[in-house]
PDB file of N, CA and C in Angstrom:
ATOM      1  N   UNK A   1      11.658  19.567  -6.032  1.00  0.00           N
ATOM      2  CA  UNK A   1      11.851  18.665  -4.921  1.00  0.00           C
ATOM      3  C   UNK A   1      12.398  17.342  -5.467  1.00  0.00           C
ATOM      4  N   UNK A   2      13.497  16.886  -4.930  1.00  0.00           N
ATOM      5  CA  UNK A   2      14.060  15.613  -5.390  1.00  0.00           C
ATOM      6  C   UNK A   2      13.760  14.520  -4.365  1.00  0.00           C
ATOM      7  N   UNK A   3      13.568  13.353  -4.879  1.00  0.00           N
ATOM      8  CA  UNK A   3      13.315  12.200  -4.026  1.00  0.00           C
ATOM      9  C   UNK A   3      14.570  11.344  -4.021  1.00  0.00           C
ATOM     10  N   UNK A   4      15.083  11.048  -2.868  1.00  0.00           N
ATOM     11  CA  UNK A   4      16.272  10.213  -2.755  1.00  0.00           C
ATOM     12  C   UNK A   4      15.851   8.759  -2.873  1.00  0.00           C
ATOM     13  N   UNK A   5      16.500   8.041  -3.759  1.00  0.00           N
ATOM     14  CA  UNK A   5      16.247   6.618  -3.903  1.00  0.00           C
ATOM     15  C   UNK A   5      17.302   5.854  -3.118  1.00  0.00           C
ATOM     16  N   UNK A   6      16.927   4.691  -2.635  1.00  0.00           N
ATOM     17  CA  UNK A   6      17.877   3.834  -1.944  1.00  0.00           C
ATOM     18  C   UNK A   6      18.914   3.322  -2.929  1.00  0.00           C
ATOM     19  N   UNK A   7      20.144   3.141  -2.455  1.00  0.00           N
ATOM     20  CA  UNK A   7      21.150   2.492  -3.287  1.00  0.00           C
ATOM     21  C   UNK A   7      20.776   1.019  -3.404  1.00  0.00           C
ATOM     22  N   UNK A   8      21.382   0.333  -4.331  1.00  0.00           N
ATOM     23  CA  UNK A   8      21.120  -1.101  -4.494  1.00  0.00           C
ATOM     24  C   UNK A   8      21.413  -1.829  -3.188  1.00  0.00           C
ATOM     25  N   UNK A   9      22.518  -1.500  -2.569  1.00  0.00           N
ATOM     26  CA  UNK A   9      22.889  -2.157  -1.314  1.00  0.00           C
ATOM     27  C   UNK A   9      21.883  -1.855  -0.212  1.00  0.00           C
ATOM     28  N   UNK A  10      21.434  -0.614  -0.119  1.00  0.00           N
ATOM     29  CA  UNK A  10      20.440  -0.246   0.900  1.00  0.00           C
ATOM     30  C   UNK A  10      19.114  -0.958   0.652  1.00  0.00           C
ATOM     31  N   UNK A  11      18.710  -1.025  -0.606  1.00  0.00           N
ATOM     32  CA  UNK A  11      17.451  -1.695  -0.942  1.00  0.00           C
ATOM     33  C   UNK A  11      17.534  -3.187  -0.610  1.00  0.00           C
ATOM     34  N   UNK A  12      18.668  -3.805  -0.936  1.00  0.00           N
ATOM     35  CA  UNK A  12      18.856  -5.227  -0.617  1.00  0.00           C
ATOM     36  C   UNK A  12      18.819  -5.446   0.894  1.00  0.00           C
ATOM     37  N   UNK A  13      19.580  -4.655   1.641  1.00  0.00           N
ATOM     38  CA  UNK A  13      19.631  -4.841   3.091  1.00  0.00           C
ATOM     39  C   UNK A  13      18.265  -4.627   3.743  1.00  0.00           C
ATOM     40  N   UNK A  14      17.519  -3.653   3.279  1.00  0.00           N
ATOM     41  CA  UNK A  14      16.183  -3.406   3.828  1.00  0.00           C
ATOM     42  C   UNK A  14      15.281  -4.612   3.588  1.00  0.00           C
ATOM     43  N   UNK A  15      15.345  -5.185   2.387  1.00  0.00           N
ATOM     44  CA  UNK A  15      14.532  -6.358   2.067  1.00  0.00           C
ATOM     45  C   UNK A  15      14.968  -7.560   2.890  1.00  0.00           C
ATOM     46  N   UNK A  16      16.263  -7.771   2.992  1.00  0.00           N
ATOM     47  CA  UNK A  16      16.793  -8.881   3.790  1.00  0.00           C
ATOM     48  C   UNK A  16      16.379  -8.739   5.256  1.00  0.00           C
ATOM     49  N   UNK A  17      16.494  -7.545   5.784  1.00  0.00           N
ATOM     50  CA  UNK A  17      16.131  -7.325   7.189  1.00  0.00           C
ATOM     51  C   UNK A  17      14.632  -7.525   7.412  1.00  0.00           C
ATOM     52  N   UNK A  18      13.828  -7.170   6.428  1.00  0.00           N
ATOM     53  CA  UNK A  18      12.372  -7.315   6.544  1.00  0.00           C
ATOM     54  C   UNK A  18      11.946  -8.779   6.504  1.00  0.00           C
ATOM     55  N   UNK A  19      12.551  -9.574   5.623  1.00  0.00           N
ATOM     56  CA  UNK A  19      12.061 -10.927   5.384  1.00  0.00           C
ATOM     57  C   UNK A  19      13.061 -12.038   5.672  1.00  0.00           C
ATOM     58  N   UNK A  20      14.246 -11.700   6.094  1.00  0.00           N
ATOM     59  CA  UNK A  20      15.213 -12.729   6.458  1.00  0.00           C
ATOM     60  C   UNK A  20      16.190 -13.087   5.359  1.00  0.00           C
ATOM     61  N   UNK A  21      15.735 -13.103   4.117  1.00  0.00           N
ATOM     62  CA  UNK A  21      16.645 -13.385   3.008  1.00  0.00           C
ATOM     63  C   UNK A  21      16.001 -12.962   1.696  1.00  0.00           C
ATOM     64  N   UNK A  22      16.845 -12.689   0.742  1.00  0.00           N
ATOM     65  CA  UNK A  22      16.352 -12.360  -0.588  1.00  0.00           C
ATOM     66  C   UNK A  22      15.652 -13.573  -1.195  1.00  0.00           C
ATOM     67  N   UNK A  23      16.197 -14.754  -0.951  1.00  0.00           N
ATOM     68  CA  UNK A  23      15.588 -15.982  -1.472  1.00  0.00           C
ATOM     69  C   UNK A  23      14.174 -16.158  -0.935  1.00  0.00           C
ATOM     70  N   UNK A  24      13.973 -15.946   0.351  1.00  0.00           N
ATOM     71  CA  UNK A  24      12.635 -16.087   0.936  1.00  0.00           C
ATOM     72  C   UNK A  24      11.668 -15.110   0.286  1.00  0.00           C
ATOM     73  N   UNK A  25      12.140 -13.904   0.032  1.00  0.00           N
ATOM     74  CA  UNK A  25      11.278 -12.914  -0.617  1.00  0.00           C
ATOM     75  C   UNK A  25      10.862 -13.397  -2.005  1.00  0.00           C
ATOM     76  N   UNK A  26      11.828 -13.757  -2.847  1.00  0.00           N
ATOM     77  CA  UNK A  26      11.490 -14.166  -4.209  1.00  0.00           C
ATOM     78  C   UNK A  26      10.614 -15.410  -4.233  1.00  0.00           C
ATOM     79  N   UNK A  27      10.934 -16.403  -3.421  1.00  0.00           N
ATOM     80  CA  UNK A  27      10.144 -17.636  -3.430  1.00  0.00           C
ATOM     81  C   UNK A  27       8.730 -17.424  -2.904  1.00  0.00           C
ATOM     82  N   UNK A  28       8.506 -16.349  -2.174  1.00  0.00           N
ATOM     83  CA  UNK A  28       7.143 -16.077  -1.712  1.00  0.00           C
ATOM     84  C   UNK A  28       6.230 -15.692  -2.886  1.00  0.00           C
ATOM     85  N   UNK A  29       6.810 -15.436  -4.048  1.00  0.00           N
ATOM     86  CA  UNK A  29       6.030 -15.099  -5.235  1.00  0.00           C
ATOM     87  C   UNK A  29       5.900 -16.272  -6.204  1.00  0.00           C
ATOM     88  N   UNK A  30       6.287 -17.459  -5.785  1.00  0.00           N
ATOM     89  CA  UNK A  30       6.093 -18.633  -6.639  1.00  0.00           C
ATOM     90  C   UNK A  30       4.611 -18.763  -6.942  1.00  0.00           C
ATOM     91  N   UNK A  31       4.250 -18.825  -8.211  1.00  0.00           N
ATOM     92  CA  UNK A  31       2.820 -18.849  -8.533  1.00  0.00           C
ATOM     93  C   UNK A  31       2.154 -20.163  -8.135  1.00  0.00           C
ATOM     94  N   UNK A  32       0.896 -20.054  -7.772  1.00  0.00           N
ATOM     95  CA  UNK A  32       0.099 -21.240  -7.455  1.00  0.00           C
ATOM     96  C   UNK A  32      -0.138 -22.038  -8.738  1.00  0.00           C
ATOM     97  N   UNK A  33      -0.420 -23.316  -8.575  1.00  0.00           N
ATOM     98  CA  UNK A  33      -0.662 -24.186  -9.735  1.00  0.00           C
ATOM     99  C   UNK A  33      -1.749 -23.639 -10.647  1.00  0.00           C
ATOM    100  N   UNK A  34      -2.794 -23.052 -10.062  1.00  0.00           N
ATOM    101  CA  UNK A  34      -3.891 -22.557 -10.896  1.00  0.00           C
ATOM    102  C   UNK A  34      -3.526 -21.295 -11.684  1.00  0.00           C
ATOM    103  N   UNK A  35      -2.361 -20.730 -11.420  1.00  0.00           N
ATOM    104  CA  UNK A  35      -1.881 -19.587 -12.200  1.00  0.00           C
ATOM    105  C   UNK A  35      -0.969 -20.016 -13.348  1.00  0.00           C
ATOM    106  N   UNK A  36      -0.639 -21.279 -13.409  1.00  0.00           N
ATOM    107  CA  UNK A  36       0.272 -21.791 -14.439  1.00  0.00           C
ATOM    108  C   UNK A  36      -0.534 -22.448 -15.555  1.00  0.00           C
ATOM    109  N   UNK A  37       0.027 -22.464 -16.768  1.00  0.00           N
ATOM    110  CA  UNK A  37      -0.692 -23.100 -17.871  1.00  0.00           C
ATOM    111  C   UNK A  37      -0.730 -24.612 -17.688  1.00  0.00           C
ATOM    112  N   UNK A  38      -1.765 -25.230 -18.241  1.00  0.00           N
ATOM    113  CA  UNK A  38      -1.851 -26.695 -18.203  1.00  0.00           C
ATOM    114  C   UNK A  38      -0.677 -27.301 -18.959  1.00  0.00           C
ATOM    115  N   UNK A  39      -0.312 -26.691 -20.069  1.00  0.00           N
ATOM    116  CA  UNK A  39       0.827 -27.138 -20.872  1.00  0.00           C
ATOM    117  C   UNK A  39       1.593 -25.910 -21.341  1.00  0.00           C
ATOM    118  N   UNK A  40       2.907 -25.930 -21.162  1.00  0.00           N
ATOM    119  CA  UNK A  40       3.741 -24.830 -21.620  1.00  0.00           C
ATOM    120  C   UNK A  40       4.047 -25.054 -23.098  1.00  0.00           C
ATOM    121  N   UNK A  41       3.639 -24.106 -23.903  1.00  0.00           N
ATOM    122  CA  UNK A  41       3.889 -24.174 -25.340  1.00  0.00           C
ATOM    123  C   UNK A  41       4.532 -22.867 -25.784  1.00  0.00           C
ATOM    124  N   UNK A  42       5.098 -22.872 -26.967  1.00  0.00           N
ATOM    125  CA  UNK A  42       5.686 -21.653 -27.512  1.00  0.00           C
ATOM    126  C   UNK A  42       4.632 -20.563 -27.635  1.00  0.00           C
ATOM    127  N   UNK A  43       3.435 -20.926 -28.085  1.00  0.00           N
ATOM    128  CA  UNK A  43       2.360 -19.932 -28.196  1.00  0.00           C
ATOM    129  C   UNK A  43       2.015 -19.337 -26.835  1.00  0.00           C
ATOM    130  N   UNK A  44       1.975 -20.178 -25.802  1.00  0.00           N
ATOM    131  CA  UNK A  44       1.664 -19.662 -24.467  1.00  0.00           C
ATOM    132  C   UNK A  44       2.758 -18.684 -24.033  1.00  0.00           C
ATOM    133  N   UNK A  45       4.023 -19.062 -24.204  1.00  0.00           N
ATOM    134  CA  UNK A  45       5.112 -18.178 -23.787  1.00  0.00           C
ATOM    135  C   UNK A  45       5.110 -16.864 -24.561  1.00  0.00           C
ATOM    136  N   UNK A  46       4.866 -16.938 -25.850  1.00  0.00           N
ATOM    137  CA  UNK A  46       4.822 -15.709 -26.649  1.00  0.00           C
ATOM    138  C   UNK A  46       3.690 -14.797 -26.196  1.00  0.00           C
ATOM    139  N   UNK A  47       2.608 -15.366 -25.750  1.00  0.00           N
ATOM    140  CA  UNK A  47       1.461 -14.581 -25.318  1.00  0.00           C
ATOM    141  C   UNK A  47       1.518 -14.122 -23.875  1.00  0.00           C
ATOM    142  N   UNK A  48       2.527 -14.562 -23.151  1.00  0.00           N
ATOM    143  CA  UNK A  48       2.624 -14.234 -21.718  1.00  0.00           C
ATOM    144  C   UNK A  48       4.043 -13.785 -21.353  1.00  0.00           C
ATOM    145  N   UNK A  49       4.432 -12.583 -21.773  1.00  0.00           N
ATOM    146  CA  UNK A  49       5.757 -12.095 -21.385  1.00  0.00           C
ATOM    147  C   UNK A  49       5.827 -11.725 -19.905  1.00  0.00           C
ATOM    148  N   UNK A  50       4.672 -11.634 -19.281  1.00  0.00           N
ATOM    149  CA  UNK A  50       4.591 -11.432 -17.836  1.00  0.00           C
ATOM    150  C   UNK A  50       3.380 -12.232 -17.352  1.00  0.00           C
ATOM    151  N   UNK A  51       3.299 -12.383 -16.049  1.00  0.00           N
ATOM    152  CA  UNK A  51       2.209 -13.150 -15.451  1.00  0.00           C
ATOM    153  C   UNK A  51       1.689 -12.392 -14.234  1.00  0.00           C
ATOM    154  N   UNK A  52       0.554 -12.807 -13.695  1.00  0.00           N
ATOM    155  CA  UNK A  52       0.086 -12.145 -12.470  1.00  0.00           C
ATOM    156  C   UNK A  52       1.143 -12.192 -11.357  1.00  0.00           C
ATOM    157  N   UNK A  53       1.826 -13.305 -11.212  1.00  0.00           N
ATOM    158  CA  UNK A  53       2.848 -13.420 -10.163  1.00  0.00           C
ATOM    159  C   UNK A  53       4.013 -12.468 -10.423  1.00  0.00           C
ATOM    160  N   UNK A  54       4.446 -12.342 -11.673  1.00  0.00           N
ATOM    161  CA  UNK A  54       5.570 -11.436 -11.961  1.00  0.00           C
ATOM    162  C   UNK A  54       5.146  -9.977 -11.798  1.00  0.00           C
ATOM    163  N   UNK A  55       3.881  -9.676 -12.050  1.00  0.00           N
ATOM    164  CA  UNK A  55       3.391  -8.321 -11.809  1.00  0.00           C
ATOM    165  C   UNK A  55       3.350  -8.031 -10.298  1.00  0.00           C
ATOM    166  N   UNK A  56       2.948  -9.020  -9.513  1.00  0.00           N
ATOM    167  CA  UNK A  56       2.952  -8.837  -8.045  1.00  0.00           C
ATOM    168  C   UNK A  56       4.377  -8.637  -7.533  1.00  0.00           C
ATOM    169  N   UNK A  57       5.305  -9.443  -8.035  1.00  0.00           N
ATOM    170  CA  UNK A  57       6.707  -9.330  -7.619  1.00  0.00           C
ATOM    171  C   UNK A  57       7.260  -7.957  -7.989  1.00  0.00           C
ATOM    172  N   UNK A  58       7.041  -7.523  -9.223  1.00  0.00           N
ATOM    173  CA  UNK A  58       7.530  -6.212  -9.649  1.00  0.00           C
ATOM    174  C   UNK A  58       6.943  -5.104  -8.783  1.00  0.00           C
ATOM    175  N   UNK A  59       5.656  -5.183  -8.502  1.00  0.00           N
ATOM    176  CA  UNK A  59       5.013  -4.169  -7.663  1.00  0.00           C
ATOM    177  C   UNK A  59       5.566  -4.150  -6.253  1.00  0.00           C
ATOM    178  N   UNK A  60       5.811  -5.326  -5.703  1.00  0.00           N
ATOM    179  CA  UNK A  60       6.354  -5.404  -4.339  1.00  0.00           C
ATOM    180  C   UNK A  60       7.768  -4.824  -4.278  1.00  0.00           C
ATOM    181  N   UNK A  61       8.554  -5.056  -5.310  1.00  0.00           N
ATOM    182  CA  UNK A  61       9.905  -4.489  -5.329  1.00  0.00           C
ATOM    183  C   UNK A  61       9.867  -2.983  -5.531  1.00  0.00           C
ATOM    184  N   UNK A  62       9.034  -2.520  -6.448  1.00  0.00           N
ATOM    185  CA  UNK A  62       8.925  -1.069  -6.665  1.00  0.00           C
ATOM    186  C   UNK A  62       8.443  -0.367  -5.392  1.00  0.00           C
ATOM    187  N   UNK A  63       7.543  -0.997  -4.656  1.00  0.00           N
ATOM    188  CA  UNK A  63       7.055  -0.408  -3.403  1.00  0.00           C
ATOM    189  C   UNK A  63       8.172  -0.288  -2.373  1.00  0.00           C
ATOM    190  N   UNK A  64       9.232  -1.073  -2.554  1.00  0.00           N
ATOM    191  CA  UNK A  64      10.388  -1.029  -1.647  1.00  0.00           C
ATOM    192  C   UNK A  64      11.541  -0.231  -2.262  1.00  0.00           C
ATOM    193  N   UNK A  65      11.222   0.566  -3.265  1.00  0.00           N
ATOM    194  CA  UNK A  65      12.164   1.485  -3.903  1.00  0.00           C
ATOM    195  C   UNK A  65      13.174   0.798  -4.824  1.00  0.00           C
ATOM    196  N   UNK A  66      12.871  -0.414  -5.281  1.00  0.00           N
ATOM    197  CA  UNK A  66      13.717  -1.044  -6.288  1.00  0.00           C
ATOM    198  C   UNK A  66      13.326  -0.460  -7.641  1.00  0.00           C
ATOM    199  N   UNK A  67      14.307  -0.359  -8.539  1.00  0.00           N
ATOM    200  CA  UNK A  67      14.050   0.180  -9.872  1.00  0.00           C
ATOM    201  C   UNK A  67      14.446  -0.842 -10.927  1.00  0.00           C
ATOM    202  N   UNK A  68      13.949  -0.657 -12.137  1.00  0.00           N
ATOM    203  CA  UNK A  68      14.222  -1.549 -13.271  1.00  0.00           C
ATOM    204  C   UNK A  68      13.736  -2.962 -12.978  1.00  0.00           C
ATOM    205  N   UNK A  69      12.551  -3.042 -12.399  1.00  0.00           N
ATOM    206  CA  UNK A  69      11.978  -4.333 -12.013  1.00  0.00           C
ATOM    207  C   UNK A  69      10.567  -4.477 -12.580  1.00  0.00           C
ATOM    208  N   UNK A  70      10.455  -4.327 -13.881  1.00  0.00           N
ATOM    209  CA  UNK A  70       9.153  -4.465 -14.517  1.00  0.00           C
ATOM    210  C   UNK A  70       8.700  -5.913 -14.537  1.00  0.00           C
ATOM    211  N   UNK A  71       7.431  -6.159 -14.836  1.00  0.00           N
ATOM    212  CA  UNK A  71       6.881  -7.506 -14.779  1.00  0.00           C
ATOM    213  C   UNK A  71       7.504  -8.483 -15.782  1.00  0.00           C
ATOM    214  N   UNK A  72       7.918  -8.009 -16.952  1.00  0.00           N
ATOM    215  CA  UNK A  72       8.551  -8.919 -17.912  1.00  0.00           C
ATOM    216  C   UNK A  72       9.935  -9.325 -17.419  1.00  0.00           C
ATOM    217  N   UNK A  73      10.688  -8.365 -16.927  1.00  0.00           N
ATOM    218  CA  UNK A  73      12.007  -8.665 -16.369  1.00  0.00           C
ATOM    219  C   UNK A  73      11.884  -9.598 -15.169  1.00  0.00           C
ATOM    220  N   UNK A  74      10.879  -9.365 -14.339  1.00  0.00           N
ATOM    221  CA  UNK A  74      10.702 -10.221 -13.171  1.00  0.00           C
ATOM    222  C   UNK A  74      10.262 -11.626 -13.573  1.00  0.00           C
ATOM    223  N   UNK A  75       9.514 -11.756 -14.671  1.00  0.00           N
ATOM    224  CA  UNK A  75       9.156 -13.095 -15.132  1.00  0.00           C
ATOM    225  C   UNK A  75      10.403 -13.837 -15.604  1.00  0.00           C
ATOM    226  N   UNK A  76      11.291 -13.139 -16.296  1.00  0.00           N
ATOM    227  CA  UNK A  76      12.555 -13.766 -16.716  1.00  0.00           C
ATOM    228  C   UNK A  76      13.367 -14.187 -15.487  1.00  0.00           C
ATOM    229  N   UNK A  77      13.363 -13.371 -14.451  1.00  0.00           N
ATOM    230  CA  UNK A  77      14.064 -13.733 -13.216  1.00  0.00           C
ATOM    231  C   UNK A  77      13.425 -14.965 -12.578  1.00  0.00           C
ATOM    232  N   UNK A  78      12.100 -15.010 -12.562  1.00  0.00           N
ATOM    233  CA  UNK A  78      11.399 -16.167 -11.987  1.00  0.00           C
ATOM    234  C   UNK A  78      11.766 -17.447 -12.744  1.00  0.00           C
ATOM    235  N   UNK A  79      11.898 -17.347 -14.058  1.00  0.00           N
ATOM    236  CA  UNK A  79      12.326 -18.500 -14.852  1.00  0.00           C
ATOM    237  C   UNK A  79      13.749 -18.898 -14.481  1.00  0.00           C
ATOM    238  N   UNK A  80      14.637 -17.907 -14.393  1.00  0.00           N
ATOM    239  CA  UNK A  80      16.046 -18.182 -14.100  1.00  0.00           C
ATOM    240  C   UNK A  80      16.242 -18.774 -12.706  1.00  0.00           C
ATOM    241  N   UNK A  81      15.452 -18.320 -11.745  1.00  0.00           N
ATOM    242  CA  UNK A  81      15.573 -18.816 -10.373  1.00  0.00           C
ATOM    243  C   UNK A  81      14.873 -20.153 -10.159  1.00  0.00           C
ATOM    244  N   UNK A  82      14.060 -20.572 -11.108  1.00  0.00           N
ATOM    245  CA  UNK A  82      13.350 -21.836 -10.979  1.00  0.00           C
ATOM    246  C   UNK A  82      11.995 -21.727 -10.302  1.00  0.00           C
ATOM    247  N   UNK A  83      11.499 -20.507 -10.104  1.00  0.00           N
ATOM    248  CA  UNK A  83      10.168 -20.349  -9.509  1.00  0.00           C
ATOM    249  C   UNK A  83       9.091 -20.879 -10.435  1.00  0.00           C
ATOM    250  N   UNK A  84       9.374 -20.881 -11.725  1.00  0.00           N
ATOM    251  CA  UNK A  84       8.488 -21.469 -12.721  1.00  0.00           C
ATOM    252  C   UNK A  84       9.318 -22.358 -13.633  1.00  0.00           C
ATOM    253  N   UNK A  85       8.708 -23.389 -14.145  1.00  0.00           N
ATOM    254  CA  UNK A  85       9.362 -24.292 -15.099  1.00  0.00           C
ATOM    255  C   UNK A  85       8.704 -24.088 -16.447  1.00  0.00           C
ATOM    256  N   UNK A  86       9.391 -23.382 -17.314  1.00  0.00           N
ATOM    257  CA  UNK A  86       8.837 -23.109 -18.636  1.00  0.00           C
ATOM    258  C   UNK A  86       9.469 -23.962 -19.722  1.00  0.00           C
ATOM    259  N   UNK A  87      10.008 -25.113 -19.351  1.00  0.00           N
ATOM    260  CA  UNK A  87      10.430 -26.060 -20.380  1.00  0.00           C
ATOM    261  C   UNK A  87       9.155 -26.594 -21.041  1.00  0.00           C
ATOM    262  N   UNK A  88       9.186 -26.709 -22.357  1.00  0.00           N
ATOM    263  CA  UNK A  88       8.016 -27.182 -23.086  1.00  0.00           C
ATOM    264  C   UNK A  88       7.664 -28.601 -22.688  1.00  0.00           C
ATOM    265  N   UNK A  89       6.376 -28.914 -22.812  1.00  0.00           N
ATOM    266  CA  UNK A  89       5.930 -30.287 -22.625  1.00  0.00           C
ATOM    267  C   UNK A  89       6.700 -31.157 -23.615  1.00  0.00           C
ATOM    268  N   UNK A  90       7.237 -32.269 -23.152  1.00  0.00           N
ATOM    269  CA  UNK A  90       8.010 -33.157 -24.005  1.00  0.00           C
ATOM    270  C   UNK A  90       9.499 -32.838 -24.041  1.00  0.00           C
ATOM    271  N   UNK A  91       9.918 -31.722 -23.451  1.00  0.00           N
ATOM    272  CA  UNK A  91      11.337 -31.377 -23.394  1.00  0.00           C
ATOM    273  C   UNK A  91      12.064 -32.439 -22.574  1.00  0.00           C
ATOM    274  N   UNK A  92      13.248 -32.809 -23.002  1.00  0.00           N
ATOM    275  CA  UNK A  92      14.000 -33.881 -22.362  1.00  0.00           C
ATOM    276  C   UNK A  92      14.331 -33.596 -20.894  1.00  0.00           C
ATOM    277  N   UNK A  93      14.440 -32.348 -20.511  1.00  0.00           N
ATOM    278  CA  UNK A  93      14.808 -32.029 -19.126  1.00  0.00           C
ATOM    279  C   UNK A  93      13.629 -31.624 -18.249  1.00  0.00           C
ATOM    280  N   UNK A  94      12.443 -31.472 -18.834  1.00  0.00           N
ATOM    281  CA  UNK A  94      11.303 -30.995 -18.046  1.00  0.00           C
ATOM    282  C   UNK A  94      11.028 -31.879 -16.822  1.00  0.00           C
ATOM    283  N   UNK A  95      11.030 -33.188 -16.999  1.00  0.00           N
ATOM    284  CA  UNK A  95      10.744 -34.091 -15.877  1.00  0.00           C
ATOM    285  C   UNK A  95      11.811 -33.959 -14.789  1.00  0.00           C
ATOM    286  N   UNK A  96      13.072 -33.820 -15.181  1.00  0.00           N
ATOM    287  CA  UNK A  96      14.145 -33.647 -14.199  1.00  0.00           C
ATOM    288  C   UNK A  96      13.983 -32.339 -13.429  1.00  0.00           C
ATOM    289  N   UNK A  97      13.630 -31.295 -14.136  1.00  0.00           N
ATOM    290  CA  UNK A  97      13.427 -29.995 -13.487  1.00  0.00           C
ATOM    291  C   UNK A  97      12.261 -30.076 -12.507  1.00  0.00           C
ATOM    292  N   UNK A  98      11.188 -30.714 -12.903  1.00  0.00           N
ATOM    293  CA  UNK A  98      10.033 -30.829 -12.010  1.00  0.00           C
ATOM    294  C   UNK A  98      10.366 -31.668 -10.776  1.00  0.00           C
ATOM    295  N   UNK A  99      11.152 -32.722 -10.949  1.00  0.00           N
ATOM    296  CA  UNK A  99      11.578 -33.511  -9.775  1.00  0.00           C
ATOM    297  C   UNK A  99      12.419 -32.659  -8.831  1.00  0.00           C
ATOM    298  N   UNK A 100      13.323 -31.871  -9.384  1.00  0.00           N
ATOM    299  CA  UNK A 100      14.168 -31.001  -8.554  1.00  0.00           C
ATOM    300  C   UNK A 100      13.320 -29.944  -7.852  1.00  0.00           C
ATOM    301  N   UNK A 101      12.353 -29.386  -8.563  1.00  0.00           N
ATOM    302  CA  UNK A 101      11.480 -28.383  -7.938  1.00  0.00           C
ATOM    303  C   UNK A 101      10.656 -28.997  -6.814  1.00  0.00           C
ATOM    304  N   UNK A 102      10.182 -30.222  -7.017  1.00  0.00           N
ATOM    305  CA  UNK A 102       9.387 -30.909  -5.996  1.00  0.00           C
ATOM    306  C   UNK A 102      10.228 -31.189  -4.754  1.00  0.00           C
ATOM    307  N   UNK A 103      11.484 -31.560  -4.963  1.00  0.00           N
ATOM    308  CA  UNK A 103      12.361 -31.897  -3.844  1.00  0.00           C
ATOM    309  C   UNK A 103      12.917 -30.670  -3.117  1.00  0.00           C
ATOM    310  N   UNK A 104      12.861 -29.522  -3.774  1.00  0.00           N
ATOM    311  CA  UNK A 104      13.461 -28.322  -3.208  1.00  0.00           C
ATOM    312  C   UNK A 104      12.749 -27.878  -1.934  1.00  0.00           C
ATOM    313  N   UNK A 105      13.524 -27.624  -0.905  1.00  0.00           N
ATOM    314  CA  UNK A 105      12.976 -27.048   0.316  1.00  0.00           C
ATOM    315  C   UNK A 105      12.981 -25.538   0.146  1.00  0.00           C
ATOM    316  N   UNK A 106      11.784 -24.952   0.024  1.00  0.00           N
ATOM    317  CA  UNK A 106      11.681 -23.504  -0.185  1.00  0.00           C
ATOM    318  C   UNK A 106      12.165 -22.758   1.048  1.00  0.00           C
ATOM    319  N   UNK A 107      12.828 -21.628   0.825  1.00  0.00           N
ATOM    320  CA  UNK A 107      13.303 -20.822   1.982  1.00  0.00           C
ATOM    321  C   UNK A 107      12.144 -20.202   2.735  1.00  0.00           C
TER     322      UNK A 107
END
């Protein structure tokens, strides 16, 4: 018995139709402050290739028939999209990134 998987386009459209936009879906997984480290350090990043939020995101996508969406990959996506700020404490751009994140109107 074979199971038909949705195409990438079908999976995207189903998610968009369910939640209004892909951005709204991803931003709904922005981790709460209490899920983030007090200070981002190299040791913390090395010890956390995934997080509870990235595991939830990966699970939600897999439940919607998305593939290749493991928790480590989803954590990298969360970093790239700005859902988390993993610039080290003292990094020259960390304060600018945090100001931009604070000002951002979430979808």
